[in-house]
């Protein structure tokens, strides 16, 4: 298997997608912020910095929109949808973050979904770090993607 971001000489380059047709594409990613039950209660009840989940949701949306500025070989894309779900999960304990990103374009939005999740998880950490510095961000991964030449992908559970 060859890696698309390297040319025949092994030099990094931006993939040329100019001949690819525009298609509907979607990617869904997830991540977890693991914390003590007491910290989770703070996240749900309003921490000192405000609405943890609301601010993290906005940060994730902003992160998706800035992906091409952060990841050197990503194409800037016309994103048509970014949605983040932050769900408190007492079984972790922590917050489960899921991002869904859509576009109609010549390349996929997997990196945008992963960046959205990562940015939201980091924001949760930032807003709650005064209560618990030992929180862990884990399990950031692509759950599924649709569209494009490589077809659909679904992660194993």
C-alpha atoms as a PDB file:
ATOM      1  CA  UNK A   1       0.000   0.000   0.000  1.00  0.00           C
ATOM      2  CA  UNK A   2       1.340   3.436  -0.871  1.00  0.00           C
ATOM      3  CA  UNK A   3       0.770   6.507   1.249  1.00  0.00           C
ATOM      4  CA  UNK A   4      -0.967   9.298  -0.662  1.00  0.00           C
ATOM      5  CA  UNK A   5       0.868  12.179   1.015  1.00  0.00           C
ATOM      6  CA  UNK A   6       4.274  11.118  -0.374  1.00  0.00           C
ATOM      7  CA  UNK A   7       5.440  11.290  -3.974  1.00  0.00           C
ATOM      8  CA  UNK A   8       7.600   8.673  -5.755  1.00  0.00           C
ATOM      9  CA  UNK A   9      10.744  10.236  -4.246  1.00  0.00           C
ATOM     10  CA  UNK A  10       9.325  10.055  -0.712  1.00  0.00           C
ATOM     11  CA  UNK A  11       8.728  13.797  -0.442  1.00  0.00           C
ATOM     12  CA  UNK A  12       5.625  15.031   1.396  1.00  0.00           C
ATOM     13  CA  UNK A  13       3.053  16.717  -0.823  1.00  0.00           C
ATOM     14  CA  UNK A  14      -0.577  17.740  -0.843  1.00  0.00           C
ATOM     15  CA  UNK A  15      -2.691  15.174  -2.692  1.00  0.00           C
ATOM     16  CA  UNK A  16      -4.038  16.440  -6.013  1.00  0.00           C
ATOM     17  CA  UNK A  17      -7.812  15.976  -5.896  1.00  0.00           C
ATOM     18  CA  UNK A  18      -8.603  18.164  -8.915  1.00  0.00           C
ATOM     19  CA  UNK A  19      -9.716  15.208 -11.072  1.00  0.00           C
ATOM     20  CA  UNK A  20     -11.895  13.642  -8.377  1.00  0.00           C
ATOM     21  CA  UNK A  21     -15.644  14.206  -8.576  1.00  0.00           C
ATOM     22  CA  UNK A  22     -17.422  16.069  -5.791  1.00  0.00           C
ATOM     23  CA  UNK A  23     -19.498  13.674  -3.709  1.00  0.00           C
ATOM     24  CA  UNK A  24     -21.389  13.817  -0.428  1.00  0.00           C
ATOM     25  CA  UNK A  25     -19.052  12.853   2.389  1.00  0.00           C
ATOM     26  CA  UNK A  26     -19.512  12.371   6.116  1.00  0.00           C
ATOM     27  CA  UNK A  27     -17.207  11.378   8.954  1.00  0.00           C
ATOM     28  CA  UNK A  28     -18.000  10.582  12.576  1.00  0.00           C
ATOM     29  CA  UNK A  29     -15.306  10.500  15.267  1.00  0.00           C
ATOM     30  CA  UNK A  30     -15.328  10.016  19.021  1.00  0.00           C
ATOM     31  CA  UNK A  31     -13.178  10.603  22.059  1.00  0.00           C
ATOM     32  CA  UNK A  32     -13.451  10.284  25.830  1.00  0.00           C
ATOM     33  CA  UNK A  33     -12.461  12.518  28.718  1.00  0.00           C
ATOM     34  CA  UNK A  34     -12.062  10.280  31.747  1.00  0.00           C
ATOM     35  CA  UNK A  35     -12.434  11.981  35.136  1.00  0.00           C
ATOM     36  CA  UNK A  36     -13.447  11.416  38.744  1.00  0.00           C
ATOM     37  CA  UNK A  37     -17.184  11.253  39.465  1.00  0.00           C
ATOM     38  CA  UNK A  38     -16.922  14.529  41.409  1.00  0.00           C
ATOM     39  CA  UNK A  39     -15.412  16.272  38.379  1.00  0.00           C
ATOM     40  CA  UNK A  40     -18.127  14.872  36.140  1.00  0.00           C
ATOM     41  CA  UNK A  41     -20.695  16.330  38.526  1.00  0.00           C
ATOM     42  CA  UNK A  42     -19.008  19.731  38.155  1.00  0.00           C
ATOM     43  CA  UNK A  43     -19.118  19.422  34.373  1.00  0.00           C
ATOM     44  CA  UNK A  44     -22.844  18.792  34.501  1.00  0.00           C
ATOM     45  CA  UNK A  45     -23.643  21.363  37.161  1.00  0.00           C
ATOM     46  CA  UNK A  46     -21.741  24.370  35.925  1.00  0.00           C
ATOM     47  CA  UNK A  47     -18.050  24.761  36.665  1.00  0.00           C
ATOM     48  CA  UNK A  48     -16.435  28.039  37.683  1.00  0.00           C
ATOM     49  CA  UNK A  49     -15.656  28.865  34.034  1.00  0.00           C
ATOM     50  CA  UNK A  50     -19.268  28.330  32.923  1.00  0.00           C
ATOM     51  CA  UNK A  51     -21.097  25.835  30.715  1.00  0.00           C
ATOM     52  CA  UNK A  52     -18.402  23.204  30.126  1.00  0.00           C
ATOM     53  CA  UNK A  53     -20.291  21.200  27.507  1.00  0.00           C
ATOM     54  CA  UNK A  54     -21.585  24.229  25.610  1.00  0.00           C
ATOM     55  CA  UNK A  55     -18.164  25.847  25.389  1.00  0.00           C
ATOM     56  CA  UNK A  56     -16.549  22.531  24.359  1.00  0.00           C
ATOM     57  CA  UNK A  57     -19.202  22.062  21.653  1.00  0.00           C
ATOM     58  CA  UNK A  58     -18.387  25.475  20.182  1.00  0.00           C
ATOM     59  CA  UNK A  59     -14.647  24.772  20.421  1.00  0.00           C
ATOM     60  CA  UNK A  60     -15.120  21.516  18.521  1.00  0.00           C
ATOM     61  CA  UNK A  61     -17.019  23.293  15.744  1.00  0.00           C
ATOM     62  CA  UNK A  62     -14.290  25.915  15.523  1.00  0.00           C
ATOM     63  CA  UNK A  63     -11.611  23.188  15.501  1.00  0.00           C
ATOM     64  CA  UNK A  64     -13.241  21.417  12.563  1.00  0.00           C
ATOM     65  CA  UNK A  65     -13.330  24.679  10.623  1.00  0.00           C
ATOM     66  CA  UNK A  66      -9.605  25.306  11.290  1.00  0.00           C
ATOM     67  CA  UNK A  67      -8.305  21.810  10.474  1.00  0.00           C
ATOM     68  CA  UNK A  68      -6.465  22.888   7.315  1.00  0.00           C
ATOM     69  CA  UNK A  69      -4.626  25.519   9.407  1.00  0.00           C
ATOM     70  CA  UNK A  70      -3.441  22.866  11.878  1.00  0.00           C
ATOM     71  CA  UNK A  71      -2.698  19.770   9.788  1.00  0.00           C
ATOM     72  CA  UNK A  72      -0.114  20.681   7.121  1.00  0.00           C
ATOM     73  CA  UNK A  73      -1.380  18.624   4.161  1.00  0.00           C
ATOM     74  CA  UNK A  74      -5.156  18.906   4.708  1.00  0.00           C
ATOM     75  CA  UNK A  75      -7.196  20.648   2.052  1.00  0.00           C
ATOM     76  CA  UNK A  76      -9.368  23.572   3.180  1.00  0.00           C
ATOM     77  CA  UNK A  77     -12.904  22.281   2.734  1.00  0.00           C
ATOM     78  CA  UNK A  78     -16.356  23.824   2.452  1.00  0.00           C
ATOM     79  CA  UNK A  79     -17.830  22.141   5.510  1.00  0.00           C
ATOM     80  CA  UNK A  80     -21.609  21.926   5.332  1.00  0.00           C
ATOM     81  CA  UNK A  81     -22.253  20.516   8.827  1.00  0.00           C
ATOM     82  CA  UNK A  82     -20.433  20.116  12.121  1.00  0.00           C
ATOM     83  CA  UNK A  83     -22.347  18.658  15.048  1.00  0.00           C
ATOM     84  CA  UNK A  84     -20.894  17.694  18.416  1.00  0.00           C
ATOM     85  CA  UNK A  85     -22.549  15.601  21.079  1.00  0.00           C
ATOM     86  CA  UNK A  86     -21.080  15.658  24.573  1.00  0.00           C
ATOM     87  CA  UNK A  87     -22.680  13.019  26.745  1.00  0.00           C
ATOM     88  CA  UNK A  88     -21.894  12.519  30.433  1.00  0.00           C
ATOM     89  CA  UNK A  89     -21.214   8.822  31.057  1.00  0.00           C
ATOM     90  CA  UNK A  90     -21.108   7.839  34.742  1.00  0.00           C
ATOM     91  CA  UNK A  91     -19.835   4.371  33.757  1.00  0.00           C
ATOM     92  CA  UNK A  92     -16.515   5.827  32.521  1.00  0.00           C
ATOM     93  CA  UNK A  93     -16.782   8.150  34.517  1.00  0.00           C
ATOM     94  CA  UNK A  94     -16.399  10.995  32.075  1.00  0.00           C
ATOM     95  CA  UNK A  95     -17.696  12.650  28.958  1.00  0.00           C
ATOM     96  CA  UNK A  96     -18.113  10.901  25.614  1.00  0.00           C
ATOM     97  CA  UNK A  97     -17.576  13.326  22.718  1.00  0.00           C
ATOM     98  CA  UNK A  98     -18.839  12.559  19.214  1.00  0.00           C
ATOM     99  CA  UNK A  99     -18.417  14.773  16.149  1.00  0.00           C
ATOM    100  CA  UNK A 100     -20.196  14.481  12.818  1.00  0.00           C
ATOM    101  CA  UNK A 101     -18.848  16.485   9.885  1.00  0.00           C
ATOM    102  CA  UNK A 102     -20.250  16.709   6.346  1.00  0.00           C
ATOM    103  CA  UNK A 103     -19.200  18.222   3.057  1.00  0.00           C
ATOM    104  CA  UNK A 104     -19.834  17.861  -0.638  1.00  0.00           C
ATOM    105  CA  UNK A 105     -16.383  17.842  -2.108  1.00  0.00           C
ATOM    106  CA  UNK A 106     -13.431  16.063  -3.641  1.00  0.00           C
ATOM    107  CA  UNK A 107     -11.895  14.793  -0.410  1.00  0.00           C
ATOM    108  CA  UNK A 108     -13.186  13.496   2.894  1.00  0.00           C
ATOM    109  CA  UNK A 109     -13.729  15.094   6.272  1.00  0.00           C
ATOM    110  CA  UNK A 110     -12.157  12.486   8.554  1.00  0.00           C
ATOM    111  CA  UNK A 111      -9.487  14.896   9.778  1.00  0.00           C
ATOM    112  CA  UNK A 112     -12.102  17.568  10.472  1.00  0.00           C
ATOM    113  CA  UNK A 113     -14.144  15.139  12.590  1.00  0.00           C
ATOM    114  CA  UNK A 114     -11.051  13.999  14.497  1.00  0.00           C
ATOM    115  CA  UNK A 115      -9.931  17.600  15.029  1.00  0.00           C
ATOM    116  CA  UNK A 116     -13.404  18.563  16.269  1.00  0.00           C
ATOM    117  CA  UNK A 117     -13.362  15.760  18.849  1.00  0.00           C
ATOM    118  CA  UNK A 118      -9.820  16.532  19.958  1.00  0.00           C
ATOM    119  CA  UNK A 119     -10.517  20.252  20.338  1.00  0.00           C
ATOM    120  CA  UNK A 120     -13.695  19.580  22.324  1.00  0.00           C
ATOM    121  CA  UNK A 121     -11.901  17.100  24.612  1.00  0.00           C
ATOM    122  CA  UNK A 122      -9.066  19.555  25.220  1.00  0.00           C
ATOM    123  CA  UNK A 123     -11.589  22.260  26.043  1.00  0.00           C
ATOM    124  CA  UNK A 124     -13.322  20.013  28.588  1.00  0.00           C
ATOM    125  CA  UNK A 125      -9.915  19.406  30.164  1.00  0.00           C
ATOM    126  CA  UNK A 126      -9.084  23.115  30.181  1.00  0.00           C
ATOM    127  CA  UNK A 127     -12.355  24.070  31.818  1.00  0.00           C
ATOM    128  CA  UNK A 128     -12.128  21.386  34.528  1.00  0.00           C
ATOM    129  CA  UNK A 129      -8.376  21.222  35.193  1.00  0.00           C
ATOM    130  CA  UNK A 130      -8.678  23.343  38.345  1.00  0.00           C
ATOM    131  CA  UNK A 131     -10.736  20.519  39.850  1.00  0.00           C
ATOM    132  CA  UNK A 132      -8.705  17.600  38.469  1.00  0.00           C
ATOM    133  CA  UNK A 133      -5.402  17.680  36.639  1.00  0.00           C
ATOM    134  CA  UNK A 134      -5.318  13.878  36.283  1.00  0.00           C
ATOM    135  CA  UNK A 135      -8.133  13.657  33.729  1.00  0.00           C
ATOM    136  CA  UNK A 136      -7.288  11.538  30.669  1.00  0.00           C
ATOM    137  CA  UNK A 137      -8.224  12.048  27.040  1.00  0.00           C
ATOM    138  CA  UNK A 138      -8.551   8.640  25.421  1.00  0.00           C
ATOM    139  CA  UNK A 139      -9.936   6.681  22.529  1.00  0.00           C
ATOM    140  CA  UNK A 140      -9.918   9.364  19.857  1.00  0.00           C
ATOM    141  CA  UNK A 141     -10.803   7.504  16.684  1.00  0.00           C
ATOM    142  CA  UNK A 142     -12.763   7.539  13.476  1.00  0.00           C
ATOM    143  CA  UNK A 143     -16.027   5.643  13.933  1.00  0.00           C
ATOM    144  CA  UNK A 144     -17.218   5.779  10.332  1.00  0.00           C
ATOM    145  CA  UNK A 145     -16.979   7.610   7.081  1.00  0.00           C
ATOM    146  CA  UNK A 146     -19.010   7.604   3.890  1.00  0.00           C
ATOM    147  CA  UNK A 147     -18.356   8.787   0.362  1.00  0.00           C
ATOM    148  CA  UNK A 148     -15.334   9.040  -1.849  1.00  0.00           C
ATOM    149  CA  UNK A 149     -13.210   6.634  -3.847  1.00  0.00           C
ATOM    150  CA  UNK A 150     -12.257   4.470  -0.868  1.00  0.00           C
ATOM    151  CA  UNK A 151     -15.931   3.921  -0.024  1.00  0.00           C
ATOM    152  CA  UNK A 152     -17.467   3.485   3.384  1.00  0.00           C
ATOM    153  CA  UNK A 153     -15.649   2.639   6.608  1.00  0.00           C
ATOM    154  CA  UNK A 154     -17.036   1.435   9.921  1.00  0.00           C
ATOM    155  CA  UNK A 155     -14.797   0.916  12.971  1.00  0.00           C
ATOM    156  CA  UNK A 156     -14.947  -2.286  14.941  1.00  0.00           C
ATOM    157  CA  UNK A 157     -16.849  -1.815  18.211  1.00  0.00           C
END
